[in-house]
């Protein structure tokens, strides 16, 4: 199995396993008194689910060499950010949280990162398949 594919998957996983929880497990999200308690409940649920999925993806990649399944899970986790962003006009939601308002290539940072993670996961599948065929 391709080490490069495993490293690509790992790069993407680090965003929802480490970076996002660090950015959100604070006063801006989990402990935000302006949020309804039920919204904070969902935030903790989302963060802990994503952490668990991240651990599973790393296990699938490094110990089972299941790059396709790992990539699919990563795309489900971060693809949800993209879908939520696309539906925000209908749901009344917003990608802006108040603690980070940065844009890359005209996209909100969270949406940009989600796209990068999904594309990296797809690239990992391509690299793994190419490695298998050689």
N, C-alpha and C. Protein backbone atom coordinates (compact mmCIF):
# COMPACT_ATOMS: atom_id res chain seq x y z
N UNK A 1 0.83 -1.18 0.00
CA UNK A 1 0.00 0.00 0.00
C UNK A 1 0.87 1.25 0.00
N UNK A 2 0.34 2.27 -0.54
CA UNK A 2 1.06 3.51 -0.73
C UNK A 2 1.19 4.33 0.55
N UNK A 3 2.42 4.60 0.94
CA UNK A 3 2.66 5.49 2.09
C UNK A 3 2.18 6.89 1.74
N UNK A 4 2.36 7.31 0.50
CA UNK A 4 1.91 8.64 0.08
C UNK A 4 0.41 8.80 0.28
N UNK A 5 -0.36 7.78 -0.07
CA UNK A 5 -1.82 7.83 0.11
C UNK A 5 -2.17 7.93 1.59
N UNK A 6 -1.48 7.18 2.41
CA UNK A 6 -1.73 7.22 3.86
C UNK A 6 -1.41 8.60 4.43
N UNK A 7 -0.32 9.20 3.96
CA UNK A 7 0.06 10.53 4.42
C UNK A 7 -0.95 11.59 3.96
N UNK A 8 -1.47 11.44 2.75
CA UNK A 8 -2.49 12.37 2.26
C UNK A 8 -3.75 12.29 3.11
N UNK A 9 -4.18 11.08 3.41
CA UNK A 9 -5.35 10.89 4.28
C UNK A 9 -5.09 11.51 5.65
N UNK A 10 -3.91 11.24 6.20
CA UNK A 10 -3.56 11.76 7.52
C UNK A 10 -3.58 13.28 7.54
N UNK A 11 -3.05 13.91 6.50
CA UNK A 11 -3.07 15.38 6.40
C UNK A 11 -4.49 15.90 6.53
N UNK A 12 -5.42 15.32 5.79
CA UNK A 12 -6.81 15.77 5.84
C UNK A 12 -7.46 15.52 7.18
N UNK A 13 -7.20 14.36 7.75
CA UNK A 13 -7.81 14.00 9.04
C UNK A 13 -7.39 14.97 10.14
N UNK A 14 -6.17 15.44 10.10
CA UNK A 14 -5.69 16.33 11.16
C UNK A 14 -6.57 17.57 11.32
N UNK A 15 -7.22 18.01 10.25
CA UNK A 15 -8.08 19.19 10.35
C UNK A 15 -9.29 18.91 11.23
N UNK A 16 -9.99 17.78 10.99
CA UNK A 16 -11.19 17.55 11.81
C UNK A 16 -10.92 16.75 13.08
N UNK A 17 -9.74 16.18 13.20
CA UNK A 17 -9.36 15.46 14.42
C UNK A 17 -8.72 16.39 15.45
N UNK A 18 -7.97 17.39 14.98
CA UNK A 18 -7.21 18.26 15.89
C UNK A 18 -7.56 19.74 15.72
N UNK A 19 -7.38 20.28 14.52
CA UNK A 19 -7.49 21.73 14.30
C UNK A 19 -8.87 22.26 14.65
N UNK A 20 -9.91 21.68 14.08
CA UNK A 20 -11.27 22.18 14.33
C UNK A 20 -11.65 22.06 15.81
N UNK A 21 -11.41 20.92 16.47
CA UNK A 21 -11.72 20.88 17.91
C UNK A 21 -10.97 21.95 18.72
N UNK A 22 -9.70 22.19 18.40
CA UNK A 22 -8.95 23.22 19.11
C UNK A 22 -9.58 24.59 18.89
N UNK A 23 -10.02 24.87 17.67
CA UNK A 23 -10.62 26.16 17.36
C UNK A 23 -12.02 26.33 17.94
N UNK A 24 -12.72 25.22 18.21
CA UNK A 24 -14.12 25.33 18.62
C UNK A 24 -14.40 24.94 20.07
N UNK A 25 -13.47 24.28 20.75
CA UNK A 25 -13.71 23.87 22.13
C UNK A 25 -13.31 25.03 23.06
N UNK A 26 -14.05 26.11 22.96
CA UNK A 26 -13.75 27.32 23.74
C UNK A 26 -14.99 28.21 23.78
N UNK A 27 -14.80 29.46 24.18
CA UNK A 27 -15.91 30.41 24.34
C UNK A 27 -16.61 30.74 23.02
N UNK A 28 -15.93 30.54 21.90
CA UNK A 28 -16.54 30.88 20.61
C UNK A 28 -17.62 29.89 20.18
N UNK A 29 -17.55 28.66 20.69
CA UNK A 29 -18.51 27.64 20.27
C UNK A 29 -19.08 26.87 21.46
N UNK A 30 -18.34 25.90 21.96
CA UNK A 30 -18.84 24.99 23.00
C UNK A 30 -19.31 25.73 24.24
N UNK A 31 -18.58 26.74 24.67
CA UNK A 31 -18.92 27.46 25.90
C UNK A 31 -19.52 28.84 25.63
N UNK A 32 -20.05 29.03 24.43
CA UNK A 32 -20.64 30.32 24.05
C UNK A 32 -22.00 30.49 24.72
N UNK A 33 -22.08 31.37 25.69
CA UNK A 33 -23.32 31.59 26.46
C UNK A 33 -24.44 32.18 25.61
N UNK A 34 -24.10 32.75 24.45
CA UNK A 34 -25.13 33.30 23.57
C UNK A 34 -25.82 32.22 22.74
N UNK A 35 -25.22 31.05 22.68
CA UNK A 35 -25.83 29.94 21.94
C UNK A 35 -26.84 29.25 22.84
N UNK A 36 -27.94 28.79 22.27
CA UNK A 36 -28.88 27.99 23.07
C UNK A 36 -28.18 26.70 23.54
N UNK A 37 -28.54 26.19 24.72
CA UNK A 37 -27.91 24.96 25.21
C UNK A 37 -27.99 23.81 24.21
N UNK A 38 -29.10 23.72 23.48
CA UNK A 38 -29.23 22.62 22.51
C UNK A 38 -28.23 22.76 21.36
N UNK A 39 -27.93 23.99 20.96
CA UNK A 39 -26.93 24.21 19.91
C UNK A 39 -25.55 23.79 20.40
N UNK A 40 -25.24 24.09 21.66
CA UNK A 40 -23.95 23.68 22.23
C UNK A 40 -23.87 22.16 22.35
N UNK A 41 -25.00 21.53 22.69
CA UNK A 41 -25.07 20.07 22.72
C UNK A 41 -24.69 19.49 21.36
N UNK A 42 -25.28 20.06 20.30
CA UNK A 42 -24.99 19.58 18.95
C UNK A 42 -23.53 19.84 18.57
N UNK A 43 -22.97 20.94 19.03
CA UNK A 43 -21.56 21.25 18.76
C UNK A 43 -20.65 20.19 19.37
N UNK A 44 -20.89 19.85 20.63
CA UNK A 44 -20.07 18.81 21.29
C UNK A 44 -20.27 17.47 20.59
N UNK A 45 -21.49 17.17 20.21
CA UNK A 45 -21.79 15.93 19.50
C UNK A 45 -21.00 15.88 18.19
N UNK A 46 -21.04 16.97 17.43
CA UNK A 46 -20.34 17.04 16.15
C UNK A 46 -18.84 16.89 16.34
N UNK A 47 -18.29 17.59 17.31
CA UNK A 47 -16.84 17.52 17.54
C UNK A 47 -16.40 16.12 17.96
N UNK A 48 -17.11 15.52 18.91
CA UNK A 48 -16.71 14.19 19.38
C UNK A 48 -16.93 13.13 18.31
N UNK A 49 -17.98 13.27 17.53
CA UNK A 49 -18.21 12.33 16.41
C UNK A 49 -17.09 12.44 15.39
N UNK A 50 -16.70 13.67 15.06
CA UNK A 50 -15.64 13.86 14.08
C UNK A 50 -14.29 13.36 14.60
N UNK A 51 -14.04 13.55 15.89
CA UNK A 51 -12.80 13.02 16.47
C UNK A 51 -12.79 11.49 16.37
N UNK A 52 -13.90 10.86 16.72
CA UNK A 52 -13.99 9.39 16.64
C UNK A 52 -13.83 8.92 15.20
N UNK A 53 -14.46 9.60 14.27
CA UNK A 53 -14.32 9.24 12.86
C UNK A 53 -12.88 9.44 12.39
N UNK A 54 -12.23 10.49 12.86
CA UNK A 54 -10.83 10.73 12.50
C UNK A 54 -9.93 9.61 12.97
N UNK A 55 -10.14 9.14 14.19
CA UNK A 55 -9.36 8.01 14.72
C UNK A 55 -9.63 6.76 13.87
N UNK A 56 -10.88 6.53 13.52
CA UNK A 56 -11.23 5.37 12.69
C UNK A 56 -10.58 5.47 11.31
N UNK A 57 -10.56 6.66 10.74
CA UNK A 57 -9.94 6.86 9.42
C UNK A 57 -8.44 6.58 9.48
N UNK A 58 -7.79 7.05 10.53
CA UNK A 58 -6.36 6.77 10.67
C UNK A 58 -6.11 5.27 10.83
N UNK A 59 -6.94 4.60 11.61
CA UNK A 59 -6.80 3.15 11.78
C UNK A 59 -7.02 2.44 10.44
N UNK A 60 -8.07 2.83 9.71
CA UNK A 60 -8.34 2.21 8.41
C UNK A 60 -7.18 2.42 7.44
N UNK A 61 -6.58 3.59 7.48
CA UNK A 61 -5.49 3.91 6.56
C UNK A 61 -4.20 3.18 6.92
N UNK A 62 -3.80 3.29 8.17
CA UNK A 62 -2.49 2.81 8.57
C UNK A 62 -2.44 1.33 8.96
N UNK A 63 -3.54 0.79 9.50
CA UNK A 63 -3.51 -0.59 9.97
C UNK A 63 -4.30 -1.56 9.10
N UNK A 64 -5.21 -1.04 8.28
CA UNK A 64 -6.00 -1.91 7.41
C UNK A 64 -5.77 -1.61 5.93
N UNK A 65 -5.06 -0.54 5.62
CA UNK A 65 -4.79 -0.12 4.24
C UNK A 65 -6.07 0.03 3.41
N UNK A 66 -7.10 0.53 4.04
CA UNK A 66 -8.40 0.74 3.39
C UNK A 66 -8.54 2.21 3.00
N UNK A 67 -7.77 2.63 2.01
CA UNK A 67 -7.72 4.04 1.63
C UNK A 67 -9.06 4.52 1.07
N UNK A 68 -9.73 3.71 0.27
CA UNK A 68 -11.02 4.14 -0.30
C UNK A 68 -12.05 4.41 0.79
N UNK A 69 -12.16 3.52 1.75
CA UNK A 69 -13.13 3.71 2.84
C UNK A 69 -12.73 4.91 3.69
N UNK A 70 -11.45 5.04 3.98
CA UNK A 70 -10.96 6.18 4.76
C UNK A 70 -11.26 7.49 4.04
N UNK A 71 -11.02 7.52 2.75
CA UNK A 71 -11.29 8.73 1.96
C UNK A 71 -12.78 9.05 1.94
N UNK A 72 -13.61 8.02 1.81
CA UNK A 72 -15.05 8.23 1.80
C UNK A 72 -15.52 8.85 3.12
N UNK A 73 -15.02 8.35 4.23
CA UNK A 73 -15.41 8.89 5.53
C UNK A 73 -14.94 10.34 5.66
N UNK A 74 -13.71 10.62 5.26
CA UNK A 74 -13.21 12.00 5.32
C UNK A 74 -14.07 12.93 4.48
N UNK A 75 -14.46 12.46 3.30
CA UNK A 75 -15.32 13.29 2.44
C UNK A 75 -16.71 13.47 3.05
N UNK A 76 -17.20 12.48 3.75
CA UNK A 76 -18.49 12.63 4.44
C UNK A 76 -18.40 13.67 5.54
N UNK A 77 -17.34 13.61 6.34
CA UNK A 77 -17.17 14.56 7.45
C UNK A 77 -17.03 15.98 6.91
N UNK A 78 -16.08 16.20 6.03
CA UNK A 78 -15.83 17.56 5.56
C UNK A 78 -16.75 17.98 4.42
N UNK A 79 -17.28 17.01 3.70
CA UNK A 79 -18.29 17.34 2.69
C UNK A 79 -19.53 17.94 3.32
N UNK A 80 -19.80 17.55 4.57
CA UNK A 80 -20.92 18.13 5.30
C UNK A 80 -20.77 19.63 5.48
N UNK A 81 -19.54 20.11 5.63
CA UNK A 81 -19.28 21.55 5.73
C UNK A 81 -19.68 22.23 4.43
N UNK A 82 -19.31 21.62 3.31
CA UNK A 82 -19.61 22.18 2.00
C UNK A 82 -21.12 22.21 1.77
N UNK A 83 -21.80 21.11 2.08
CA UNK A 83 -23.26 21.05 1.91
C UNK A 83 -23.94 22.07 2.81
N UNK A 84 -23.50 22.17 4.05
CA UNK A 84 -24.09 23.13 4.98
C UNK A 84 -23.91 24.56 4.47
N UNK A 85 -22.73 24.85 3.94
CA UNK A 85 -22.47 26.17 3.36
C UNK A 85 -23.41 26.44 2.18
N UNK A 86 -23.55 25.46 1.30
CA UNK A 86 -24.40 25.64 0.13
C UNK A 86 -25.87 25.81 0.50
N UNK A 87 -26.29 25.20 1.60
CA UNK A 87 -27.69 25.29 2.04
C UNK A 87 -27.94 26.41 3.05
N UNK A 88 -26.90 27.15 3.42
CA UNK A 88 -27.05 28.15 4.48
C UNK A 88 -28.07 29.23 4.14
N UNK A 89 -28.25 29.54 2.88
CA UNK A 89 -29.27 30.52 2.50
C UNK A 89 -30.67 30.04 2.78
N UNK A 90 -30.87 28.74 2.76
CA UNK A 90 -32.19 28.15 3.02
C UNK A 90 -32.38 27.79 4.49
N UNK A 91 -31.27 27.48 5.17
CA UNK A 91 -31.38 27.04 6.57
C UNK A 91 -31.26 28.18 7.56
N UNK A 92 -30.77 29.32 7.10
CA UNK A 92 -30.54 30.44 8.00
C UNK A 92 -29.23 30.32 8.75
N UNK A 93 -28.43 29.32 8.41
CA UNK A 93 -27.13 29.14 9.05
C UNK A 93 -26.08 30.05 8.45
N UNK A 94 -24.94 30.10 9.08
CA UNK A 94 -23.83 30.91 8.60
C UNK A 94 -22.52 30.22 8.93
N UNK A 95 -21.59 30.28 8.01
CA UNK A 95 -20.27 29.70 8.25
C UNK A 95 -19.45 30.63 9.16
N UNK A 96 -19.82 31.88 9.25
CA UNK A 96 -19.13 32.84 10.10
C UNK A 96 -19.46 32.58 11.57
N UNK A 97 -18.43 32.52 12.40
CA UNK A 97 -18.65 32.26 13.82
C UNK A 97 -18.23 33.42 14.70
N UNK A 98 -17.53 34.36 14.14
CA UNK A 98 -17.09 35.49 14.93
C UNK A 98 -15.65 35.39 15.40
N UNK A 99 -15.12 34.18 15.52
CA UNK A 99 -13.74 34.06 16.00
C UNK A 99 -12.72 34.03 14.86
N UNK A 100 -13.15 33.63 13.68
CA UNK A 100 -12.25 33.62 12.52
C UNK A 100 -13.04 34.08 11.31
N UNK A 101 -12.55 35.10 10.66
CA UNK A 101 -13.18 35.58 9.43
C UNK A 101 -12.08 35.78 8.39
N UNK A 102 -11.61 34.69 7.85
CA UNK A 102 -10.55 34.74 6.85
C UNK A 102 -11.05 34.09 5.57
N UNK A 103 -10.52 34.58 4.45
CA UNK A 103 -10.91 34.06 3.15
C UNK A 103 -9.67 33.67 2.37
N UNK A 104 -9.79 32.59 1.62
CA UNK A 104 -8.74 32.14 0.71
C UNK A 104 -9.39 31.90 -0.64
N UNK A 105 -8.85 32.54 -1.66
CA UNK A 105 -9.40 32.44 -3.02
C UNK A 105 -10.89 32.78 -3.05
N UNK A 106 -11.29 33.72 -2.22
CA UNK A 106 -12.68 34.16 -2.18
C UNK A 106 -13.61 33.25 -1.39
N UNK A 107 -13.09 32.19 -0.82
CA UNK A 107 -13.90 31.26 -0.03
C UNK A 107 -13.61 31.44 1.45
N UNK A 108 -14.65 31.30 2.27
CA UNK A 108 -14.45 31.30 3.70
C UNK A 108 -13.44 30.20 4.05
N UNK A 109 -12.60 30.46 5.04
CA UNK A 109 -11.54 29.53 5.43
C UNK A 109 -12.07 28.11 5.68
N UNK A 110 -13.19 27.99 6.40
CA UNK A 110 -13.74 26.66 6.71
C UNK A 110 -14.14 25.92 5.45
N UNK A 111 -14.75 26.62 4.50
CA UNK A 111 -15.17 25.99 3.25
C UNK A 111 -13.95 25.61 2.43
N UNK A 112 -12.96 26.49 2.37
CA UNK A 112 -11.72 26.21 1.65
C UNK A 112 -11.05 24.95 2.20
N UNK A 113 -10.93 24.88 3.53
CA UNK A 113 -10.30 23.71 4.17
C UNK A 113 -11.09 22.44 3.86
N UNK A 114 -12.42 22.52 3.91
CA UNK A 114 -13.25 21.35 3.61
C UNK A 114 -13.01 20.86 2.19
N UNK A 115 -12.92 21.78 1.25
CA UNK A 115 -12.66 21.41 -0.14
C UNK A 115 -11.28 20.77 -0.26
N UNK A 116 -10.28 21.35 0.40
CA UNK A 116 -8.92 20.80 0.36
C UNK A 116 -8.89 19.39 0.94
N UNK A 117 -9.57 19.17 2.06
CA UNK A 117 -9.59 17.84 2.68
C UNK A 117 -10.24 16.83 1.73
N UNK A 118 -11.36 17.19 1.12
CA UNK A 118 -12.03 16.27 0.19
C UNK A 118 -11.17 15.98 -1.03
N UNK A 119 -10.57 17.02 -1.60
CA UNK A 119 -9.71 16.81 -2.77
C UNK A 119 -8.47 15.98 -2.40
N UNK A 120 -7.92 16.21 -1.23
CA UNK A 120 -6.77 15.42 -0.76
C UNK A 120 -7.15 13.96 -0.59
N UNK A 121 -8.35 13.71 -0.06
CA UNK A 121 -8.82 12.32 0.10
C UNK A 121 -8.98 11.65 -1.26
N UNK A 122 -9.54 12.37 -2.22
CA UNK A 122 -9.69 11.81 -3.57
C UNK A 122 -8.33 11.56 -4.21
N UNK A 123 -7.39 12.47 -3.99
CA UNK A 123 -6.03 12.28 -4.50
C UNK A 123 -5.39 11.05 -3.86
N UNK A 124 -5.65 10.82 -2.59
CA UNK A 124 -5.11 9.64 -1.91
C UNK A 124 -5.61 8.36 -2.57
N UNK A 125 -6.89 8.33 -2.94
CA UNK A 125 -7.44 7.16 -3.63
C UNK A 125 -6.74 6.97 -4.97
N UNK A 126 -6.58 8.06 -5.71
CA UNK A 126 -5.90 7.99 -7.01
C UNK A 126 -4.47 7.47 -6.85
N UNK A 127 -3.73 8.02 -5.90
CA UNK A 127 -2.34 7.60 -5.66
C UNK A 127 -2.29 6.13 -5.25
N UNK A 128 -3.20 5.72 -4.39
CA UNK A 128 -3.24 4.33 -3.93
C UNK A 128 -3.54 3.38 -5.09
N UNK A 129 -4.51 3.74 -5.92
CA UNK A 129 -4.86 2.89 -7.07
C UNK A 129 -3.71 2.81 -8.06
N UNK A 130 -3.05 3.94 -8.28
CA UNK A 130 -1.91 3.95 -9.19
C UNK A 130 -0.79 3.08 -8.64
N UNK A 131 -0.56 3.15 -7.34
CA UNK A 131 0.47 2.35 -6.70
C UNK A 131 0.15 0.85 -6.81
N UNK A 132 -1.13 0.50 -6.67
CA UNK A 132 -1.54 -0.91 -6.78
C UNK A 132 -1.34 -1.45 -8.19
N UNK A 133 -1.51 -0.58 -9.19
CA UNK A 133 -1.41 -1.05 -10.58
C UNK A 133 0.03 -1.19 -11.05
N UNK A 134 0.96 -0.64 -10.29
CA UNK A 134 2.39 -0.74 -10.68
C UNK A 134 3.05 -1.97 -10.12
